[in-house]
Amino acid sequence: MTNASGSQAMSALDIVKRVSLCLAYIVVSASLIRFNKFLMNKDRFPYSMCLTSCHMSMSFSLCLVLYLVKPGAFPGVANSEGKKLLVLKWMAPIGVAFAVSLYTSNQAYMYCSVTFLQFMKEGNVIITFLMSCAAGLQAMNRVRCAIIAWIIAGSAMAVSGEVNFVFVGFVYQLISQLAECFRAVMGEIVLSGGGLKLDPLSYTLFVAPTCLAVLVGGIITTWDPAIPGALAKWWPYLLPNALLAFVLNMLVATIIKEMSAVGFILAGVCKDIALVLFSAVVFAEVVTAHQCFGFMVALGGVFFWSFLKASPDSQAAMLAARLLRMPPESKMPNENTILLPQTSSTKV
C-alpha cells in the first residue's frame, strides 16, 4: 500500500515537474522571441549574427563561471573525461546546427511577422519525427503517416494565407527549423546516452563554444563597421536579452532530457499558440481567417498526435488503426524491434 502511494506521489511530482518546465519554457521562449523581434529592427540592432554571438558568449561565460565555482554541478564533464574525440563527434554537428538555427531564425524577423513564423513552426513536429525515425528513435506507421499529412495540410493553409508573404524570410525560417529539429534529435541522443550521459549544464558548456566558433566566423565574413557603435548604444538591451537566451538554453536542454525531442517540439507548439494570440492582440499583427483555419487544423493534428503518444491503447487510437487497416500492435515493428535477423553463435 505504501509502495503504491509512493509511486503515485512520484508520478504526480513528475507531472508537476514537467508541466512547470513547459510553462517556464513557454514564458521564456515567447519573451525572447518578442525581444529579438524588437532588437532586429533596422533602426535598432539588425545584426543577427552578432546578436546570436552575444547569446552564445553569455551562455558559455556563465557555464564556465558556474563550473569553476561548483564543478559538482557538471557531472557530465567528469563522465566525458578521456572521451575528447567522442565529445567532438557529437558537439561539432550540434554546435553548427545550433548556430545556423539561431542566425537564420533571427534573420527571419527582418522579413516576416512573428505570427507567420509561428505558423511555419507547426511543421517542426513532423520534421523532428522524421529525423527521429532516421535516427532509430521513433517508428513509422499508417496512423502517424495520416497525422503527418493532416498537420502538413493545416500548416500549408496557414502559411499560404499570409498577406505580406516574403520568400526570403520563408527560406530563412525553413532553414532555421531544419537545423533546430536536427539539433533537438541529436541533443536527445546525447542527453539520453550517446556514450556521454550529459546533464543540461554540461551539455550547454560543451555546445556553446562550438556554436560560438561558427558564429564568430560568420561575423568576420559579414562584418559591418556600424556594429561597434550599435553595441555601445544598445548594450543595456543586449545584456538582459543574452541572459534570457542563457535561461532558455538551459530549459531546452532540460526538457529534451526529461521529455524527448518530440516532447520539446510539442511544448513549442503550446508556446506558438500563446505567442500568436499575444502578437495578434497586443501588437495587432494581421491574421486572416484563412490562416486561423489552417492553424486550427494543424493544431488539431498536433494535439491528436500527442494524445496518441500519451494513450496508445485508447479507443481513439484503436479506431484510427482499424480505419487504416493497421496490423495488430504485436505484429508491428517498434523502437525495440530487432530489424536484422540474429545469427546463431553456435555452428552446426
Protein backbone atom coordinates (compact mmCIF):
# COMPACT_ATOMS: atom_id res chain seq x y z
CA MET A 1 0.00 0.00 0.00
CA THR A 2 2.83 2.31 0.94
CA ASN A 3 4.71 1.47 -2.25
CA ALA A 4 1.64 2.18 -4.37
CA SER A 5 1.04 5.55 -2.72
CA GLY A 6 4.75 6.34 -3.04
CA SER A 7 4.76 5.54 -6.75
CA GLN A 8 1.63 7.66 -7.23
CA ALA A 9 3.29 10.53 -5.39
CA MET A 10 6.38 10.19 -7.55
CA SER A 11 4.21 10.15 -10.66
CA ALA A 12 2.36 13.28 -9.53
CA LEU A 13 5.66 15.02 -8.74
CA ASP A 14 6.97 14.04 -12.16
CA ILE A 15 3.88 15.51 -13.84
CA VAL A 16 4.18 18.74 -11.84
CA LYS A 17 7.87 18.97 -12.75
CA ARG A 18 7.21 18.52 -16.45
CA VAL A 19 4.30 20.96 -16.52
CA SER A 20 6.41 23.53 -14.66
CA LEU A 21 9.25 23.09 -17.14
CA CYS A 22 6.87 23.55 -20.08
CA LEU A 23 5.28 26.67 -18.57
CA ALA A 24 8.70 28.18 -17.88
CA TYR A 25 9.81 27.35 -21.42
CA ILE A 26 6.68 28.93 -22.93
CA VAL A 27 7.14 32.19 -20.98
CA VAL A 28 10.91 32.49 -21.53
CA SER A 29 10.85 31.45 -25.20
CA ALA A 30 7.94 33.73 -26.11
CA SER A 31 9.59 36.63 -24.27
CA LEU A 32 12.89 36.08 -26.07
CA ILE A 33 11.17 35.90 -29.48
CA ARG A 34 9.42 39.23 -28.93
CA PHE A 35 12.65 40.70 -27.52
CA ASN A 36 14.63 39.55 -30.57
CA LYS A 37 11.94 40.91 -32.89
CA PHE A 38 12.25 44.28 -31.12
CA LEU A 39 16.04 44.36 -31.45
CA MET A 40 16.15 43.11 -35.05
CA ASN A 41 14.62 46.33 -36.31
CA LYS A 42 16.67 48.19 -38.93
CA ASP A 43 16.75 51.24 -36.64
CA ARG A 44 17.98 49.28 -33.59
CA PHE A 45 20.31 46.26 -33.83
CA PRO A 46 19.72 44.47 -37.17
CA TYR A 47 22.80 42.24 -36.88
CA SER A 48 21.53 38.70 -36.36
CA MET A 49 24.97 37.07 -36.41
CA CYS A 50 26.26 39.44 -33.74
CA LEU A 51 23.08 39.16 -31.65
CA THR A 52 23.33 35.37 -31.71
CA SER A 53 27.02 35.56 -30.77
CA CYS A 54 26.07 37.66 -27.73
CA HIS A 55 23.69 34.89 -26.69
CA MET A 56 26.32 32.18 -27.01
CA SER A 57 29.03 34.26 -25.34
CA MET A 58 26.78 34.76 -22.33
CA SER A 59 25.83 31.07 -22.15
CA PHE A 60 29.47 29.92 -22.38
CA SER A 61 30.73 32.53 -19.87
CA LEU A 62 28.07 31.74 -17.26
CA CYS A 63 28.53 27.98 -17.63
CA LEU A 64 32.30 28.40 -17.29
CA VAL A 65 31.95 30.53 -14.15
CA LEU A 66 29.50 28.04 -12.64
CA TYR A 67 31.88 25.17 -13.45
CA LEU A 68 34.82 26.94 -11.78
CA VAL A 69 32.72 27.74 -8.69
CA LYS A 70 30.88 24.41 -8.41
CA PRO A 71 32.25 21.66 -10.68
CA GLY A 72 29.98 19.14 -8.95
CA ALA A 73 27.02 20.68 -10.79
CA PHE A 74 28.54 19.38 -14.06
CA PRO A 75 28.66 15.57 -13.63
CA GLY A 76 28.69 15.15 -17.40
CA VAL A 77 32.12 16.78 -17.61
CA ALA A 78 33.55 14.09 -15.32
CA ASN A 79 31.78 11.37 -17.34
CA SER A 80 33.39 12.66 -20.53
CA GLU A 81 36.99 12.56 -19.28
CA GLY A 82 39.17 10.66 -21.73
CA LYS A 83 36.47 10.94 -24.43
CA LYS A 84 37.55 14.12 -26.23
CA LEU A 85 37.03 12.63 -29.69
CA LEU A 86 33.58 11.36 -28.74
CA VAL A 87 32.63 14.77 -27.34
CA LEU A 88 33.83 16.47 -30.52
CA LYS A 89 31.99 13.92 -32.67
CA TRP A 90 28.66 14.88 -31.09
CA MET A 91 29.19 18.54 -30.25
CA ALA A 92 30.54 19.67 -33.63
CA PRO A 93 27.35 18.92 -35.62
CA ILE A 94 25.11 20.08 -32.75
CA GLY A 95 27.04 23.35 -32.45
CA VAL A 96 26.92 24.00 -36.20
CA ALA A 97 23.18 23.23 -36.32
CA PHE A 98 22.58 25.47 -33.30
CA ALA A 99 24.48 28.37 -34.90
CA VAL A 100 22.61 28.01 -38.20
CA SER A 101 19.27 27.76 -36.39
CA LEU A 102 19.85 30.86 -34.26
CA TYR A 103 21.22 33.01 -37.08
CA THR A 104 18.52 32.17 -39.64
CA SER A 105 15.75 32.42 -37.03
CA ASN A 106 16.80 35.94 -36.03
CA GLN A 107 17.32 36.89 -39.67
CA ALA A 108 13.74 35.83 -40.49
CA TYR A 109 12.45 38.53 -38.12
CA MET A 110 13.72 41.11 -40.61
CA TYR A 111 11.20 39.94 -43.21
CA CYS A 112 8.25 38.21 -41.51
CA SER A 113 5.81 38.78 -38.68
CA VAL A 114 6.06 36.71 -35.51
CA THR A 115 2.65 35.12 -36.15
CA PHE A 116 3.65 33.91 -39.62
CA LEU A 117 6.86 32.39 -38.26
CA GLN A 118 4.90 30.57 -35.54
CA PHE A 119 2.54 29.17 -38.19
CA MET A 120 5.53 27.72 -40.00
CA LYS A 121 6.85 26.13 -36.81
CA GLU A 122 3.87 23.77 -36.65
CA GLY A 123 5.80 21.65 -39.14
CA ASN A 124 8.54 21.07 -36.54
CA VAL A 125 6.64 18.11 -35.12
CA ILE A 126 6.82 16.35 -38.49
CA ILE A 127 10.43 17.30 -39.21
CA THR A 128 11.54 16.10 -35.77
CA PHE A 129 9.60 12.86 -36.04
CA LEU A 130 11.03 12.03 -39.47
CA MET A 131 14.56 12.77 -38.25
CA SER A 132 13.90 10.65 -35.14
CA CYS A 133 12.79 7.78 -37.40
CA ALA A 134 16.01 8.12 -39.40
CA ALA A 135 17.98 8.02 -36.13
CA GLY A 136 16.08 4.96 -34.88
CA LEU A 137 14.39 6.82 -32.01
CA GLN A 138 10.84 6.54 -33.42
CA ALA A 139 8.93 4.13 -35.66
CA MET A 140 6.62 4.95 -38.57
CA ASN A 141 3.13 3.51 -39.10
CA ARG A 142 -0.01 4.31 -41.09
CA VAL A 143 -1.70 6.35 -38.37
CA ARG A 144 1.37 8.54 -37.99
CA CYS A 145 1.57 8.98 -41.77
CA ALA A 146 -2.05 10.13 -41.80
CA ILE A 147 -1.44 12.63 -38.99
CA ILE A 148 1.66 13.91 -40.79
CA ALA A 149 -0.50 14.64 -43.87
CA TRP A 150 -3.07 16.28 -41.57
CA ILE A 151 -0.53 18.64 -39.97
CA ILE A 152 1.16 19.44 -43.29
CA ALA A 153 -2.21 20.38 -44.82
CA GLY A 154 -3.05 22.71 -41.94
CA SER A 155 0.42 24.31 -41.89
CA ALA A 156 0.28 24.84 -45.65
CA MET A 157 -3.07 26.62 -45.34
CA ALA A 158 -1.77 28.86 -42.55
CA VAL A 159 1.40 29.78 -44.45
CA SER A 160 -0.31 30.30 -47.82
CA GLY A 161 -2.80 32.71 -46.24
CA GLU A 162 -0.08 35.23 -45.31
CA VAL A 163 -0.95 38.72 -46.60
CA ASN A 164 2.63 40.04 -46.66
CA PHE A 165 4.48 36.91 -47.81
CA VAL A 166 8.24 37.39 -48.26
CA PHE A 167 10.00 34.42 -49.85
CA VAL A 168 13.43 35.26 -48.39
CA GLY A 169 12.01 35.26 -44.87
CA PHE A 170 10.24 31.96 -45.60
CA VAL A 171 13.53 30.35 -46.69
CA TYR A 172 15.41 31.66 -43.64
CA GLN A 173 12.75 30.25 -41.33
CA LEU A 174 12.67 26.89 -43.12
CA ILE A 175 16.45 26.52 -42.77
CA SER A 176 16.16 27.50 -39.10
CA GLN A 177 13.53 24.81 -38.46
CA LEU A 178 15.53 22.08 -40.17
CA ALA A 179 18.60 22.99 -38.12
CA GLU A 180 16.61 23.29 -34.88
CA CYS A 181 14.95 19.89 -35.32
CA PHE A 182 18.29 18.27 -36.17
CA ARG A 183 19.78 19.81 -33.02
CA ALA A 184 16.85 18.56 -30.92
CA VAL A 185 17.20 14.98 -32.17
CA MET A 186 20.98 14.96 -31.75
CA GLY A 187 20.57 16.52 -28.32
CA GLU A 188 18.15 13.78 -27.27
CA ILE A 189 20.69 11.12 -28.27
CA VAL A 190 23.50 12.82 -26.34
CA LEU A 191 21.44 13.67 -23.24
CA SER A 192 19.89 10.19 -23.01
CA GLY A 193 23.02 8.21 -23.83
CA GLY A 194 25.38 8.52 -26.77
CA GLY A 195 28.20 7.26 -24.56
CA LEU A 196 28.44 10.58 -22.68
CA LYS A 197 25.48 10.78 -20.24
CA LEU A 198 25.47 14.57 -20.15
CA ASP A 199 23.41 16.79 -17.87
CA PRO A 200 21.89 20.08 -19.16
CA LEU A 201 24.69 22.26 -17.73
CA SER A 202 27.47 20.09 -19.16
CA TYR A 203 25.64 19.90 -22.48
CA THR A 204 25.41 23.70 -22.69
CA LEU A 205 29.07 24.07 -21.64
CA PHE A 206 30.17 21.78 -24.49
CA VAL A 207 27.80 23.10 -27.16
CA ALA A 208 28.28 26.84 -26.55
CA PRO A 209 31.96 27.16 -27.62
CA THR A 210 31.40 25.09 -30.77
CA CYS A 211 28.40 27.21 -31.71
CA LEU A 212 30.27 30.41 -30.82
CA ALA A 213 33.22 29.47 -33.04
CA VAL A 214 30.88 29.11 -36.02
CA LEU A 215 29.18 32.42 -35.26
CA VAL A 216 32.48 34.30 -34.87
CA GLY A 217 33.50 33.04 -38.30
CA GLY A 218 30.16 34.32 -39.59
CA ILE A 219 30.72 37.74 -38.03
CA ILE A 220 34.12 38.03 -39.70
CA THR A 221 32.68 37.26 -43.13
CA THR A 222 29.66 39.56 -42.69
CA TRP A 223 31.32 42.37 -40.71
CA ASP A 224 29.62 45.76 -40.70
CA PRO A 225 31.57 48.84 -39.45
CA ALA A 226 28.40 50.07 -37.74
CA ILE A 227 28.33 47.11 -35.31
CA PRO A 228 30.65 48.64 -32.60
CA GLY A 229 28.52 51.81 -32.42
CA ALA A 230 25.31 49.77 -32.23
CA LEU A 231 26.78 47.61 -29.45
CA ALA A 232 27.72 50.72 -27.45
CA LYS A 233 24.22 52.15 -27.89
CA TRP A 234 22.10 49.06 -27.29
CA TRP A 235 24.12 47.12 -24.68
CA PRO A 236 21.53 47.85 -21.91
CA TYR A 237 19.09 45.81 -24.01
CA LEU A 238 21.56 43.24 -25.31
CA LEU A 239 22.69 42.20 -21.82
CA PRO A 240 19.27 41.10 -20.47
CA ASN A 241 18.49 39.64 -23.91
CA ALA A 242 21.58 37.43 -23.66
CA LEU A 243 20.74 36.43 -20.07
CA LEU A 244 17.26 35.41 -21.22
CA ALA A 245 18.84 33.34 -24.00
CA PHE A 246 21.01 31.51 -21.43
CA VAL A 247 17.95 30.64 -19.35
CA LEU A 248 16.20 29.37 -22.49
CA ASN A 249 19.18 27.21 -23.48
CA MET A 250 19.11 25.58 -20.05
CA LEU A 251 15.36 24.98 -20.23
CA VAL A 252 15.60 23.47 -23.72
CA ALA A 253 18.34 21.04 -22.67
CA THR A 254 16.37 20.06 -19.55
CA ILE A 255 13.12 19.49 -21.45
CA ILE A 256 14.83 17.39 -24.13
CA LYS A 257 16.42 15.26 -21.39
CA GLU A 258 13.18 14.88 -19.42
CA MET A 259 10.64 14.65 -22.26
CA SER A 260 12.48 13.71 -25.52
CA ALA A 261 12.93 15.79 -28.69
CA VAL A 262 9.29 15.27 -29.73
CA GLY A 263 8.12 16.38 -26.28
CA PHE A 264 10.20 19.53 -26.64
CA ILE A 265 8.61 20.29 -30.02
CA LEU A 266 5.11 19.72 -28.59
CA ALA A 267 5.90 22.18 -25.80
CA GLY A 268 6.95 24.56 -28.55
CA VAL A 269 3.52 24.18 -30.16
CA CYS A 270 1.84 25.36 -26.96
CA LYS A 271 4.24 28.30 -26.97
CA ASP A 272 3.31 29.06 -30.57
CA ILE A 273 -0.39 29.25 -29.66
CA ALA A 274 0.27 31.67 -26.80
CA LEU A 275 2.61 33.77 -28.92
CA VAL A 276 0.21 34.00 -31.89
CA LEU A 277 -2.62 35.15 -29.64
CA PHE A 278 -0.38 37.62 -27.82
CA SER A 279 1.09 39.05 -31.03
CA ALA A 280 -2.33 39.42 -32.66
CA VAL A 281 -3.95 41.09 -29.65
CA VAL A 282 -1.12 43.21 -28.22
CA PHE A 283 0.93 44.00 -31.33
CA ALA A 284 -2.01 43.98 -33.79
CA GLU A 285 -0.26 41.66 -36.26
CA VAL A 286 -2.60 40.72 -39.11
CA VAL A 287 -4.03 37.19 -39.01
CA THR A 288 -6.51 36.28 -41.76
CA ALA A 289 -9.44 33.88 -41.37
CA HIS A 290 -7.71 31.53 -43.83
CA GLN A 291 -4.64 31.44 -41.59
CA CYS A 292 -6.70 30.91 -38.45
CA PHE A 293 -8.46 27.93 -40.02
CA GLY A 294 -5.19 26.40 -41.20
CA PHE A 295 -3.60 26.99 -37.79
CA MET A 296 -6.50 25.27 -36.04
CA VAL A 297 -6.31 22.31 -38.45
CA ALA A 298 -2.57 21.95 -37.80
CA LEU A 299 -3.08 22.26 -34.04
CA GLY A 300 -5.77 19.59 -34.14
CA GLY A 301 -3.29 17.22 -35.80
CA VAL A 302 -0.54 18.07 -33.34
CA PHE A 303 -2.73 17.52 -30.30
CA PHE A 304 -4.13 14.26 -31.70
CA TRP A 305 -0.52 13.18 -32.26
CA SER A 306 0.38 13.99 -28.64
CA PHE A 307 -2.78 12.21 -27.42
CA LEU A 308 -1.81 9.03 -29.27
CA LYS A 309 1.71 9.27 -27.82
CA ALA A 310 0.28 9.58 -24.30
CA SER A 311 -2.54 7.00 -24.72
CA PRO A 312 -1.57 4.50 -27.44
CA ASP A 313 -4.18 1.98 -26.18
CA SER A 314 -7.12 4.42 -26.14
CA GLN A 315 -10.33 3.86 -28.10
CA ALA A 316 -9.43 6.70 -30.46
CA ALA A 317 -6.05 5.10 -31.24
CA MET A 318 -7.64 1.70 -31.88
CA LEU A 319 -10.35 3.24 -34.08
CA ALA A 320 -7.76 5.08 -36.16
CA ALA A 321 -5.74 1.87 -36.53
CA ARG A 322 -8.83 -0.09 -37.65
CA LEU A 323 -9.83 2.59 -40.16
CA LEU A 324 -6.36 2.48 -41.70
CA ARG A 325 -6.31 -1.35 -41.53
CA MET A 326 -3.15 -1.48 -39.48
CA PRO A 327 -1.92 -4.91 -38.31
CA PRO A 328 -2.17 -5.74 -34.59
CA GLU A 329 0.38 -3.95 -32.41
CA SER A 330 2.12 -7.21 -31.61
CA LYS A 331 2.92 -7.72 -35.29
CA MET A 332 4.10 -4.17 -35.90
CA PRO A 333 7.73 -3.11 -35.67
CA ASN A 334 8.52 -0.56 -32.98
CA GLU A 335 11.56 1.07 -31.37
CA ASN A 336 12.51 -2.24 -29.65
CA THR A 337 12.07 -4.50 -32.68
CA ILE A 338 15.20 -6.22 -33.95
CA LEU A 339 15.24 -5.33 -37.64
CA LEU A 340 18.05 -7.71 -38.65
CA PRO A 341 17.87 -11.47 -38.08
CA GLN A 342 20.10 -12.61 -35.27
CA THR A 343 22.83 -15.06 -36.19
CA SER A 344 23.38 -18.08 -34.05
CA SER A 345 26.64 -18.15 -32.12
CA THR A 346 26.85 -21.96 -32.49
CA LYS A 347 27.77 -23.68 -35.68
CA VAL A 348 26.23 -26.97 -36.68
